[in-house]
Amino acid sequence: LGSDLSRRAPTLFAALLASVTLIAAVRQILIRRFDPIFD
């Protein structure tokens, strides 16, 4: 938002934000369910 990417390339910004959020959600699942998954 600060670099104006959301205005210049809204599709790219949305895709980047969605992918980073998805990766963060997967990492959260891996952190929360460490024992059953890692074992």
PDB file of all heavy atoms in Angstrom:
ATOM      1  N   LEU A   1       0.830  -1.205   0.000  1.00  0.00           N
ATOM      2  CA  LEU A   1       0.000   0.000   0.000  1.00  0.00           C
ATOM      3  C   LEU A   1       0.867   1.258   0.000  1.00  0.00           C
ATOM      4  O   LEU A   1       0.568   2.225  -0.682  1.00  0.00           O
ATOM      5  CB  LEU A   1      -0.928   0.002   1.215  1.00  0.00           C
ATOM      6  CG  LEU A   1      -2.045  -1.033   1.196  1.00  0.00           C
ATOM      7  CD1 LEU A   1      -2.763  -1.052   2.546  1.00  0.00           C
ATOM      8  CD2 LEU A   1      -3.016  -0.777   0.072  1.00  0.00           C
ATOM      9  N   GLY A   2       1.946   1.219   0.775  1.00  0.00           N
ATOM     10  CA  GLY A   2       2.824   2.387   0.863  1.00  0.00           C
ATOM     11  C   GLY A   2       3.596   2.664  -0.414  1.00  0.00           C
ATOM     12  O   GLY A   2       3.909   3.806  -0.732  1.00  0.00           O
ATOM     13  N   SER A   3       3.908   1.615  -1.158  1.00  0.00           N
ATOM     14  CA  SER A   3       4.675   1.814  -2.389  1.00  0.00           C
ATOM     15  C   SER A   3       3.771   2.020  -3.600  1.00  0.00           C
ATOM     16  O   SER A   3       4.245   2.099  -4.723  1.00  0.00           O
ATOM     17  CB  SER A   3       5.564   0.597  -2.650  1.00  0.00           C
ATOM     18  OG  SER A   3       4.761  -0.519  -2.983  1.00  0.00           O
ATOM     19  N   ASP A   4       2.487   2.074  -3.365  1.00  0.00           N
ATOM     20  CA  ASP A   4       1.509   2.296  -4.428  1.00  0.00           C
ATOM     21  C   ASP A   4       1.378   1.099  -5.368  1.00  0.00           C
ATOM     22  O   ASP A   4       0.824   1.226  -6.455  1.00  0.00           O
ATOM     23  CB  ASP A   4       1.861   3.560  -5.219  1.00  0.00           C
ATOM     24  CG  ASP A   4       0.632   4.381  -5.554  1.00  0.00           C
ATOM     25  OD1 ASP A   4      -0.391   4.211  -4.865  1.00  0.00           O
ATOM     26  OD2 ASP A   4       0.708   5.183  -6.496  1.00  0.00           O
ATOM     27  N   LEU A   5       1.902  -0.042  -4.965  1.00  0.00           N
ATOM     28  CA  LEU A   5       1.784  -1.253  -5.790  1.00  0.00           C
ATOM     29  C   LEU A   5       0.329  -1.669  -5.930  1.00  0.00           C
ATOM     30  O   LEU A   5      -0.082  -2.143  -6.985  1.00  0.00           O
ATOM     31  CB  LEU A   5       2.592  -2.402  -5.175  1.00  0.00           C
ATOM     32  CG  LEU A   5       2.576  -3.727  -5.928  1.00  0.00           C
ATOM     33  CD1 LEU A   5       3.227  -3.551  -7.302  1.00  0.00           C
ATOM     34  CD2 LEU A   5       3.300  -4.805  -5.142  1.00  0.00           C
ATOM     35  N   SER A   6      -0.455  -1.447  -4.887  1.00  0.00           N
ATOM     36  CA  SER A   6      -1.864  -1.834  -4.950  1.00  0.00           C
ATOM     37  C   SER A   6      -2.631  -1.034  -5.998  1.00  0.00           C
ATOM     38  O   SER A   6      -3.624  -1.508  -6.536  1.00  0.00           O
ATOM     39  CB  SER A   6      -2.519  -1.665  -3.582  1.00  0.00           C
ATOM     40  OG  SER A   6      -2.472  -0.320  -3.181  1.00  0.00           O
ATOM     41  N   ARG A   7      -2.167   0.163  -6.320  1.00  0.00           N
ATOM     42  CA  ARG A   7      -2.828   0.986  -7.330  1.00  0.00           C
ATOM     43  C   ARG A   7      -2.273   0.736  -8.728  1.00  0.00           C
ATOM     44  O   ARG A   7      -3.017   0.706  -9.702  1.00  0.00           O
ATOM     45  CB  ARG A   7      -2.654   2.467  -6.974  1.00  0.00           C
ATOM     46  CG  ARG A   7      -3.953   3.207  -7.076  1.00  0.00           C
ATOM     47  CD  ARG A   7      -3.823   4.660  -6.706  1.00  0.00           C
ATOM     48  NE  ARG A   7      -4.349   4.824  -5.355  1.00  0.00           N
ATOM     49  CZ  ARG A   7      -3.793   5.547  -4.417  1.00  0.00           C
ATOM     50  NH1 ARG A   7      -2.682   6.191  -4.648  1.00  0.00           N
ATOM     51  NH2 ARG A   7      -4.336   5.643  -3.237  1.00  0.00           N
ATOM     52  N   ARG A   8      -0.950   0.540  -8.801  1.00  0.00           N
ATOM     53  CA  ARG A   8      -0.316   0.345 -10.113  1.00  0.00           C
ATOM     54  C   ARG A   8      -0.525  -1.059 -10.669  1.00  0.00           C
ATOM     55  O   ARG A   8      -0.677  -1.222 -11.871  1.00  0.00           O
ATOM     56  CB  ARG A   8       1.178   0.636 -10.030  1.00  0.00           C
ATOM     57  CG  ARG A   8       1.494   2.121  -9.913  1.00  0.00           C
ATOM     58  CD  ARG A   8       2.972   2.392  -9.922  1.00  0.00           C
ATOM     59  NE  ARG A   8       3.534   1.898  -8.655  1.00  0.00           N
ATOM     60  CZ  ARG A   8       4.700   1.259  -8.543  1.00  0.00           C
ATOM     61  NH1 ARG A   8       5.434   1.042  -9.599  1.00  0.00           N
ATOM     62  NH2 ARG A   8       5.133   0.861  -7.367  1.00  0.00           N
ATOM     63  N   ALA A   9      -0.488  -2.057  -9.807  1.00  0.00           N
ATOM     64  CA  ALA A   9      -0.646  -3.451 -10.243  1.00  0.00           C
ATOM     65  C   ALA A   9      -1.500  -4.190  -9.213  1.00  0.00           C
ATOM     66  O   ALA A   9      -0.992  -4.999  -8.433  1.00  0.00           O
ATOM     67  CB  ALA A   9       0.715  -4.112 -10.402  1.00  0.00           C
ATOM     68  N   PRO A  10      -2.801  -3.935  -9.206  1.00  0.00           N
ATOM     69  CA  PRO A  10      -3.654  -4.522  -8.167  1.00  0.00           C
ATOM     70  C   PRO A  10      -3.704  -6.054  -8.213  1.00  0.00           C
ATOM     71  O   PRO A  10      -3.770  -6.699  -7.179  1.00  0.00           O
ATOM     72  CB  PRO A  10      -5.031  -3.913  -8.433  1.00  0.00           C
ATOM     73  CG  PRO A  10      -4.987  -3.384  -9.810  1.00  0.00           C
ATOM     74  CD  PRO A  10      -3.560  -3.077 -10.110  1.00  0.00           C
ATOM     75  N   THR A  11      -3.630  -6.628  -9.395  1.00  0.00           N
ATOM     76  CA  THR A  11      -3.662  -8.087  -9.507  1.00  0.00           C
ATOM     77  C   THR A  11      -2.392  -8.695  -8.926  1.00  0.00           C
ATOM     78  O   THR A  11      -2.455  -9.684  -8.186  1.00  0.00           O
ATOM     79  CB  THR A  11      -3.822  -8.515 -10.980  1.00  0.00           C
ATOM     80  OG1 THR A  11      -4.970  -7.854 -11.525  1.00  0.00           O
ATOM     81  CG2 THR A  11      -3.996 -10.008 -11.097  1.00  0.00           C
ATOM     82  N   LEU A  12      -1.260  -8.109  -9.253  1.00  0.00           N
ATOM     83  CA  LEU A  12       0.007  -8.591  -8.710  1.00  0.00           C
ATOM     84  C   LEU A  12       0.034  -8.434  -7.187  1.00  0.00           C
ATOM     85  O   LEU A  12       0.453  -9.347  -6.474  1.00  0.00           O
ATOM     86  CB  LEU A  12       1.172  -7.819  -9.339  1.00  0.00           C
ATOM     87  CG  LEU A  12       2.563  -8.147  -8.795  1.00  0.00           C
ATOM     88  CD1 LEU A  12       2.925  -9.590  -9.112  1.00  0.00           C
ATOM     89  CD2 LEU A  12       3.583  -7.195  -9.372  1.00  0.00           C
ATOM     90  N   PHE A  13      -0.425  -7.301  -6.703  1.00  0.00           N
ATOM     91  CA  PHE A  13      -0.458  -7.061  -5.269  1.00  0.00           C
ATOM     92  C   PHE A  13      -1.363  -8.079  -4.574  1.00  0.00           C
ATOM     93  O   PHE A  13      -0.983  -8.649  -3.536  1.00  0.00           O
ATOM     94  CB  PHE A  13      -0.935  -5.638  -4.973  1.00  0.00           C
ATOM     95  CG  PHE A  13      -1.120  -5.362  -3.518  1.00  0.00           C
ATOM     96  CD1 PHE A  13      -0.035  -5.316  -2.662  1.00  0.00           C
ATOM     97  CD2 PHE A  13      -2.391  -5.150  -2.998  1.00  0.00           C
ATOM     98  CE1 PHE A  13      -0.204  -5.059  -1.307  1.00  0.00           C
ATOM     99  CE2 PHE A  13      -2.567  -4.900  -1.653  1.00  0.00           C
ATOM    100  CZ  PHE A  13      -1.478  -4.850  -0.802  1.00  0.00           C
ATOM    101  N   ALA A  14      -2.531  -8.317  -5.121  1.00  0.00           N
ATOM    102  CA  ALA A  14      -3.462  -9.275  -4.520  1.00  0.00           C
ATOM    103  C   ALA A  14      -2.879 -10.694  -4.537  1.00  0.00           C
ATOM    104  O   ALA A  14      -2.996 -11.428  -3.551  1.00  0.00           O
ATOM    105  CB  ALA A  14      -4.798  -9.244  -5.262  1.00  0.00           C
ATOM    106  N   ALA A  15      -2.238 -11.061  -5.644  1.00  0.00           N
ATOM    107  CA  ALA A  15      -1.636 -12.397  -5.733  1.00  0.00           C
ATOM    108  C   ALA A  15      -0.481 -12.546  -4.742  1.00  0.00           C
ATOM    109  O   ALA A  15      -0.342 -13.584  -4.089  1.00  0.00           O
ATOM    110  CB  ALA A  15      -1.149 -12.654  -7.157  1.00  0.00           C
ATOM    111  N   LEU A  16       0.339 -11.523  -4.627  1.00  0.00           N
ATOM    112  CA  LEU A  16       1.458 -11.551  -3.688  1.00  0.00           C
ATOM    113  C   LEU A  16       0.957 -11.637  -2.246  1.00  0.00           C
ATOM    114  O   LEU A  16       1.435 -12.464  -1.461  1.00  0.00           O
ATOM    115  CB  LEU A  16       2.323 -10.303  -3.872  1.00  0.00           C
ATOM    116  CG  LEU A  16       3.529 -10.175  -2.950  1.00  0.00           C
ATOM    117  CD1 LEU A  16       4.522 -11.295  -3.212  1.00  0.00           C
ATOM    118  CD2 LEU A  16       4.193  -8.825  -3.162  1.00  0.00           C
ATOM    119  N   LEU A  17      -0.009 -10.825  -1.910  1.00  0.00           N
ATOM    120  CA  LEU A  17      -0.553 -10.830  -0.558  1.00  0.00           C
ATOM    121  C   LEU A  17      -1.244 -12.159  -0.252  1.00  0.00           C
ATOM    122  O   LEU A  17      -1.080 -12.709   0.844  1.00  0.00           O
ATOM    123  CB  LEU A  17      -1.518  -9.665  -0.374  1.00  0.00           C
ATOM    124  CG  LEU A  17      -2.034  -9.415   1.035  1.00  0.00           C
ATOM    125  CD1 LEU A  17      -0.866  -9.166   1.992  1.00  0.00           C
ATOM    126  CD2 LEU A  17      -2.978  -8.219   1.042  1.00  0.00           C
ATOM    127  N   ALA A  18      -1.978 -12.687  -1.214  1.00  0.00           N
ATOM    128  CA  ALA A  18      -2.654 -13.976  -1.008  1.00  0.00           C
ATOM    129  C   ALA A  18      -1.648 -15.112  -0.831  1.00  0.00           C
ATOM    130  O   ALA A  18      -1.817 -15.972   0.039  1.00  0.00           O
ATOM    131  CB  ALA A  18      -3.591 -14.273  -2.182  1.00  0.00           C
ATOM    132  N   SER A  19      -0.589 -15.114  -1.632  1.00  0.00           N
ATOM    133  CA  SER A  19       0.395 -16.191  -1.514  1.00  0.00           C
ATOM    134  C   SER A  19       1.172 -16.111  -0.195  1.00  0.00           C
ATOM    135  O   SER A  19       1.410 -17.135   0.445  1.00  0.00           O
ATOM    136  CB  SER A  19       1.344 -16.198  -2.711  1.00  0.00           C
ATOM    137  OG  SER A  19       2.093 -15.011  -2.765  1.00  0.00           O
ATOM    138  N   VAL A  20       1.533 -14.911   0.226  1.00  0.00           N
ATOM    139  CA  VAL A  20       2.241 -14.763   1.503  1.00  0.00           C
ATOM    140  C   VAL A  20       1.319 -15.168   2.660  1.00  0.00           C
ATOM    141  O   VAL A  20       1.749 -15.830   3.605  1.00  0.00           O
ATOM    142  CB  VAL A  20       2.760 -13.321   1.674  1.00  0.00           C
ATOM    143  CG1 VAL A  20       3.242 -13.066   3.086  1.00  0.00           C
ATOM    144  CG2 VAL A  20       3.871 -13.051   0.688  1.00  0.00           C
ATOM    145  N   THR A  21       0.058 -14.817   2.581  1.00  0.00           N
ATOM    146  CA  THR A  21      -0.903 -15.196   3.621  1.00  0.00           C
ATOM    147  C   THR A  21      -1.107 -16.708   3.645  1.00  0.00           C
ATOM    148  O   THR A  21      -1.172 -17.315   4.718  1.00  0.00           O
ATOM    149  CB  THR A  21      -2.243 -14.470   3.395  1.00  0.00           C
ATOM    150  OG1 THR A  21      -2.006 -13.057   3.377  1.00  0.00           O
ATOM    151  CG2 THR A  21      -3.244 -14.805   4.478  1.00  0.00           C
ATOM    152  N   LEU A  22      -1.171 -17.334   2.475  1.00  0.00           N
ATOM    153  CA  LEU A  22      -1.328 -18.793   2.407  1.00  0.00           C
ATOM    154  C   LEU A  22      -0.110 -19.499   2.986  1.00  0.00           C
ATOM    155  O   LEU A  22      -0.245 -20.450   3.766  1.00  0.00           O
ATOM    156  CB  LEU A  22      -1.553 -19.228   0.955  1.00  0.00           C
ATOM    157  CG  LEU A  22      -1.707 -20.725   0.734  1.00  0.00           C
ATOM    158  CD1 LEU A  22      -2.967 -21.234   1.418  1.00  0.00           C
ATOM    159  CD2 LEU A  22      -1.738 -21.032  -0.747  1.00  0.00           C
ATOM    160  N   ILE A  23       1.073 -19.035   2.636  1.00  0.00           N
ATOM    161  CA  ILE A  23       2.301 -19.631   3.181  1.00  0.00           C
ATOM    162  C   ILE A  23       2.345 -19.450   4.696  1.00  0.00           C
ATOM    163  O   ILE A  23       2.717 -20.369   5.431  1.00  0.00           O
ATOM    164  CB  ILE A  23       3.542 -19.025   2.504  1.00  0.00           C
ATOM    165  CG1 ILE A  23       3.623 -19.491   1.054  1.00  0.00           C
ATOM    166  CG2 ILE A  23       4.812 -19.400   3.246  1.00  0.00           C
ATOM    167  CD1 ILE A  23       4.660 -18.772   0.221  1.00  0.00           C
ATOM    168  N   ALA A  24       1.939 -18.288   5.179  1.00  0.00           N
ATOM    169  CA  ALA A  24       1.916 -18.045   6.621  1.00  0.00           C
ATOM    170  C   ALA A  24       0.909 -18.963   7.311  1.00  0.00           C
ATOM    171  O   ALA A  24       1.179 -19.471   8.410  1.00  0.00           O
ATOM    172  CB  ALA A  24       1.589 -16.579   6.903  1.00  0.00           C
ATOM    173  N   ALA A  25      -0.232 -19.198   6.681  1.00  0.00           N
ATOM    174  CA  ALA A  25      -1.236 -20.091   7.263  1.00  0.00           C
ATOM    175  C   ALA A  25      -0.721 -21.530   7.329  1.00  0.00           C
ATOM    176  O   ALA A  25      -0.924 -22.222   8.334  1.00  0.00           O
ATOM    177  CB  ALA A  25      -2.529 -20.022   6.451  1.00  0.00           C
ATOM    178  N   VAL A  26      -0.039 -21.969   6.285  1.00  0.00           N
ATOM    179  CA  VAL A  26       0.534 -23.318   6.288  1.00  0.00           C
ATOM    180  C   VAL A  26       1.596 -23.431   7.378  1.00  0.00           C
ATOM    181  O   VAL A  26       1.650 -24.427   8.108  1.00  0.00           O
ATOM    182  CB  VAL A  26       1.117 -23.674   4.896  1.00  0.00           C
ATOM    183  CG1 VAL A  26       1.955 -24.933   4.950  1.00  0.00           C
ATOM    184  CG2 VAL A  26      -0.006 -23.822   3.882  1.00  0.00           C
ATOM    185  N   ARG A  27       2.423 -22.419   7.510  1.00  0.00           N
ATOM    186  CA  ARG A  27       3.444 -22.439   8.569  1.00  0.00           C
ATOM    187  C   ARG A  27       2.798 -22.466   9.952  1.00  0.00           C
ATOM    188  O   ARG A  27       3.283 -23.125  10.854  1.00  0.00           O
ATOM    189  CB  ARG A  27       4.368 -21.231   8.463  1.00  0.00           C
ATOM    190  CG  ARG A  27       5.307 -21.365   7.277  1.00  0.00           C
ATOM    191  CD  ARG A  27       6.385 -20.346   7.309  1.00  0.00           C
ATOM    192  NE  ARG A  27       7.561 -20.987   7.920  1.00  0.00           N
ATOM    193  CZ  ARG A  27       8.553 -20.331   8.468  1.00  0.00           C
ATOM    194  NH1 ARG A  27       8.535 -19.031   8.495  1.00  0.00           N
ATOM    195  NH2 ARG A  27       9.568 -20.967   8.977  1.00  0.00           N
ATOM    196  N   GLN A  28       1.697 -21.749  10.115  1.00  0.00           N
ATOM    197  CA  GLN A  28       0.985 -21.763  11.396  1.00  0.00           C
ATOM    198  C   GLN A  28       0.474 -23.167  11.713  1.00  0.00           C
ATOM    199  O   GLN A  28       0.587 -23.632  12.847  1.00  0.00           O
ATOM    200  CB  GLN A  28      -0.171 -20.759  11.385  1.00  0.00           C
ATOM    201  CG  GLN A  28      -0.986 -20.737  12.644  1.00  0.00           C
ATOM    202  CD  GLN A  28      -0.215 -20.257  13.855  1.00  0.00           C
ATOM    203  OE1 GLN A  28       0.801 -19.587  13.750  1.00  0.00           O
ATOM    204  NE2 GLN A  28      -0.679 -20.614  15.019  1.00  0.00           N
ATOM    205  N   ILE A  29      -0.060 -23.835  10.721  1.00  0.00           N
ATOM    206  CA  ILE A  29      -0.527 -25.220  10.919  1.00  0.00           C
ATOM    207  C   ILE A  29       0.648 -26.117  11.288  1.00  0.00           C
ATOM    208  O   ILE A  29       0.543 -26.946  12.196  1.00  0.00           O
ATOM    209  CB  ILE A  29      -1.245 -25.730   9.655  1.00  0.00           C
ATOM    210  CG1 ILE A  29      -2.561 -24.981   9.461  1.00  0.00           C
ATOM    211  CG2 ILE A  29      -1.484 -27.235   9.730  1.00  0.00           C
ATOM    212  CD1 ILE A  29      -3.195 -25.187   8.106  1.00  0.00           C
ATOM    213  N   LEU A  30       1.763 -25.961  10.595  1.00  0.00           N
ATOM    214  CA  LEU A  30       2.944 -26.779  10.887  1.00  0.00           C
ATOM    215  C   LEU A  30       3.488 -26.503  12.291  1.00  0.00           C
ATOM    216  O   LEU A  30       3.980 -27.418  12.956  1.00  0.00           O
ATOM    217  CB  LEU A  30       4.034 -26.530   9.837  1.00  0.00           C
ATOM    218  CG  LEU A  30       3.729 -27.051   8.439  1.00  0.00           C
ATOM    219  CD1 LEU A  30       4.790 -26.557   7.456  1.00  0.00           C
ATOM    220  CD2 LEU A  30       3.642 -28.561   8.424  1.00  0.00           C
ATOM    221  N   ILE A  31       3.397 -25.271  12.743  1.00  0.00           N
ATOM    222  CA  ILE A  31       3.864 -24.931  14.086  1.00  0.00           C
ATOM    223  C   ILE A  31       2.920 -25.503  15.136  1.00  0.00           C
ATOM    224  O   ILE A  31       3.347 -26.123  16.106  1.00  0.00           O
ATOM    225  CB  ILE A  31       4.003 -23.402  14.243  1.00  0.00           C
ATOM    226  CG1 ILE A  31       5.146 -22.882  13.373  1.00  0.00           C
ATOM    227  CG2 ILE A  31       4.210 -23.017  15.699  1.00  0.00           C
ATOM    228  CD1 ILE A  31       5.170 -21.371  13.227  1.00  0.00           C
ATOM    229  N   ARG A  32       1.624 -25.308  14.949  1.00  0.00           N
ATOM    230  CA  ARG A  32       0.635 -25.753  15.939  1.00  0.00           C
ATOM    231  C   ARG A  32       0.553 -27.268  16.043  1.00  0.00           C
ATOM    232  O   ARG A  32       0.303 -27.799  17.101  1.00  0.00           O
ATOM    233  CB  ARG A  32      -0.747 -25.210  15.594  1.00  0.00           C
ATOM    234  CG  ARG A  32      -0.820 -23.732  15.548  1.00  0.00           C
ATOM    235  CD  ARG A  32      -0.883 -23.108  16.872  1.00  0.00           C
ATOM    236  NE  ARG A  32      -2.172 -22.486  17.076  1.00  0.00           N
ATOM    237  CZ  ARG A  32      -2.624 -22.220  18.268  1.00  0.00           C
ATOM    238  NH1 ARG A  32      -1.953 -22.574  19.296  1.00  0.00           N
ATOM    239  NH2 ARG A  32      -3.757 -21.613  18.424  1.00  0.00           N
ATOM    240  N   ARG A  33       0.732 -27.946  14.929  1.00  0.00           N
ATOM    241  CA  ARG A  33       0.612 -29.406  14.913  1.00  0.00           C
ATOM    242  C   ARG A  33       1.982 -30.073  14.752  1.00  0.00           C
ATOM    243  O   ARG A  33       2.110 -31.075  14.064  1.00  0.00           O
ATOM    244  CB  ARG A  33      -0.338 -29.820  13.804  1.00  0.00           C
ATOM    245  CG  ARG A  33      -1.680 -29.131  13.941  1.00  0.00           C
ATOM    246  CD  ARG A  33      -2.887 -29.829  13.427  1.00  0.00           C
ATOM    247  NE  ARG A  33      -2.795 -31.197  13.090  1.00  0.00           N
ATOM    248  CZ  ARG A  33      -3.202 -32.203  13.871  1.00  0.00           C
ATOM    249  NH1 ARG A  33      -3.673 -31.949  15.063  1.00  0.00           N
ATOM    250  NH2 ARG A  33      -3.122 -33.445  13.454  1.00  0.00           N
ATOM    251  N   PHE A  34       2.977 -29.474  15.391  1.00  0.00           N
ATOM    252  CA  PHE A  34       4.348 -29.967  15.250  1.00  0.00           C
ATOM    253  C   PHE A  34       4.474 -31.440  15.624  1.00  0.00           C
ATOM    254  O   PHE A  34       4.994 -32.236  14.845  1.00  0.00           O
ATOM    255  CB  PHE A  34       5.309 -29.127  16.109  1.00  0.00           C
ATOM    256  CG  PHE A  34       6.720 -29.630  16.056  1.00  0.00           C
ATOM    257  CD1 PHE A  34       7.548 -29.267  15.015  1.00  0.00           C
ATOM    258  CD2 PHE A  34       7.214 -30.490  17.030  1.00  0.00           C
ATOM    259  CE1 PHE A  34       8.851 -29.742  14.943  1.00  0.00           C
ATOM    260  CE2 PHE A  34       8.511 -30.962  16.976  1.00  0.00           C
ATOM    261  CZ  PHE A  34       9.329 -30.588  15.934  1.00  0.00           C
ATOM    262  N   ASP A  35       4.030 -31.794  16.810  1.00  0.00           N
ATOM    263  CA  ASP A  35       4.225 -33.166  17.297  1.00  0.00           C
ATOM    264  C   ASP A  35       3.631 -34.230  16.378  1.00  0.00           C
ATOM    265  O   ASP A  35       4.338 -35.155  15.967  1.00  0.00           O
ATOM    266  CB  ASP A  35       3.691 -33.319  18.716  1.00  0.00           C
ATOM    267  CG  ASP A  35       4.552 -32.573  19.723  1.00  0.00           C
ATOM    268  OD1 ASP A  35       5.778 -32.544  19.551  1.00  0.00           O
ATOM    269  OD2 ASP A  35       3.987 -32.024  20.684  1.00  0.00           O
ATOM    270  N   PRO A  36       2.343 -34.150  16.035  1.00  0.00           N
ATOM    271  CA  PRO A  36       1.808 -35.225  15.179  1.00  0.00           C
ATOM    272  C   PRO A  36       2.415 -35.262  13.775  1.00  0.00           C
ATOM    273  O   PRO A  36       2.631 -36.335  13.223  1.00  0.00           O
ATOM    274  CB  PRO A  36       0.308 -34.942  15.109  1.00  0.00           C
ATOM    275  CG  PRO A  36       0.056 -33.672  15.793  1.00  0.00           C
ATOM    276  CD  PRO A  36       1.306 -33.231  16.467  1.00  0.00           C
ATOM    277  N   ILE A  37       2.717 -34.097  13.220  1.00  0.00           N
ATOM    278  CA  ILE A  37       3.262 -34.081  11.859  1.00  0.00           C
ATOM    279  C   ILE A  37       4.721 -34.511  11.856  1.00  0.00           C
ATOM    280  O   ILE A  37       5.124 -35.358  11.057  1.00  0.00           O
ATOM    281  CB  ILE A  37       3.099 -32.686  11.213  1.00  0.00           C
ATOM    282  CG1 ILE A  37       1.616 -32.352  11.047  1.00  0.00           C
ATOM    283  CG2 ILE A  37       3.804 -32.639   9.855  1.00  0.00           C
ATOM    284  CD1 ILE A  37       1.353 -30.932  10.598  1.00  0.00           C
ATOM    285  N   PHE A  38       5.530 -33.935  12.734  1.00  0.00           N
ATOM    286  CA  PHE A  38       6.959 -34.247  12.736  1.00  0.00           C
ATOM    287  C   PHE A  38       7.203 -35.703  13.116  1.00  0.00           C
ATOM    288  O   PHE A  38       8.101 -36.339  12.562  1.00  0.00           O
ATOM    289  CB  PHE A  38       7.719 -33.318  13.685  1.00  0.00           C
ATOM    290  CG  PHE A  38       9.206 -33.382  13.507  1.00  0.00           C
ATOM    291  CD1 PHE A  38       9.828 -32.556  12.581  1.00  0.00           C
ATOM    292  CD2 PHE A  38       9.985 -34.263  14.228  1.00  0.00           C
ATOM    293  CE1 PHE A  38      11.200 -32.611  12.383  1.00  0.00           C
ATOM    294  CE2 PHE A  38      11.357 -34.333  14.049  1.00  0.00           C
ATOM    295  CZ  PHE A  38      11.970 -33.500  13.118  1.00  0.00           C
ATOM    296  N   ASP A  39       6.427 -36.226  14.054  1.00  0.00           N
ATOM    297  CA  ASP A  39       6.628 -37.618  14.467  1.00  0.00           C
ATOM    298  C   ASP A  39       6.320 -38.605  13.345  1.00  0.00           C
ATOM    299  O   ASP A  39       6.971 -39.637  13.233  1.00  0.00           O
ATOM    300  CB  ASP A  39       5.784 -37.933  15.698  1.00  0.00           C
ATOM    301  CG  ASP A  39       6.283 -37.195  16.934  1.00  0.00           C
ATOM    302  OD1 ASP A  39       7.441 -36.730  16.926  1.00  0.00           O
ATOM    303  OD2 ASP A  39       5.513 -37.081  17.898  1.00  0.00           O
TER     304      ASP A  39
END
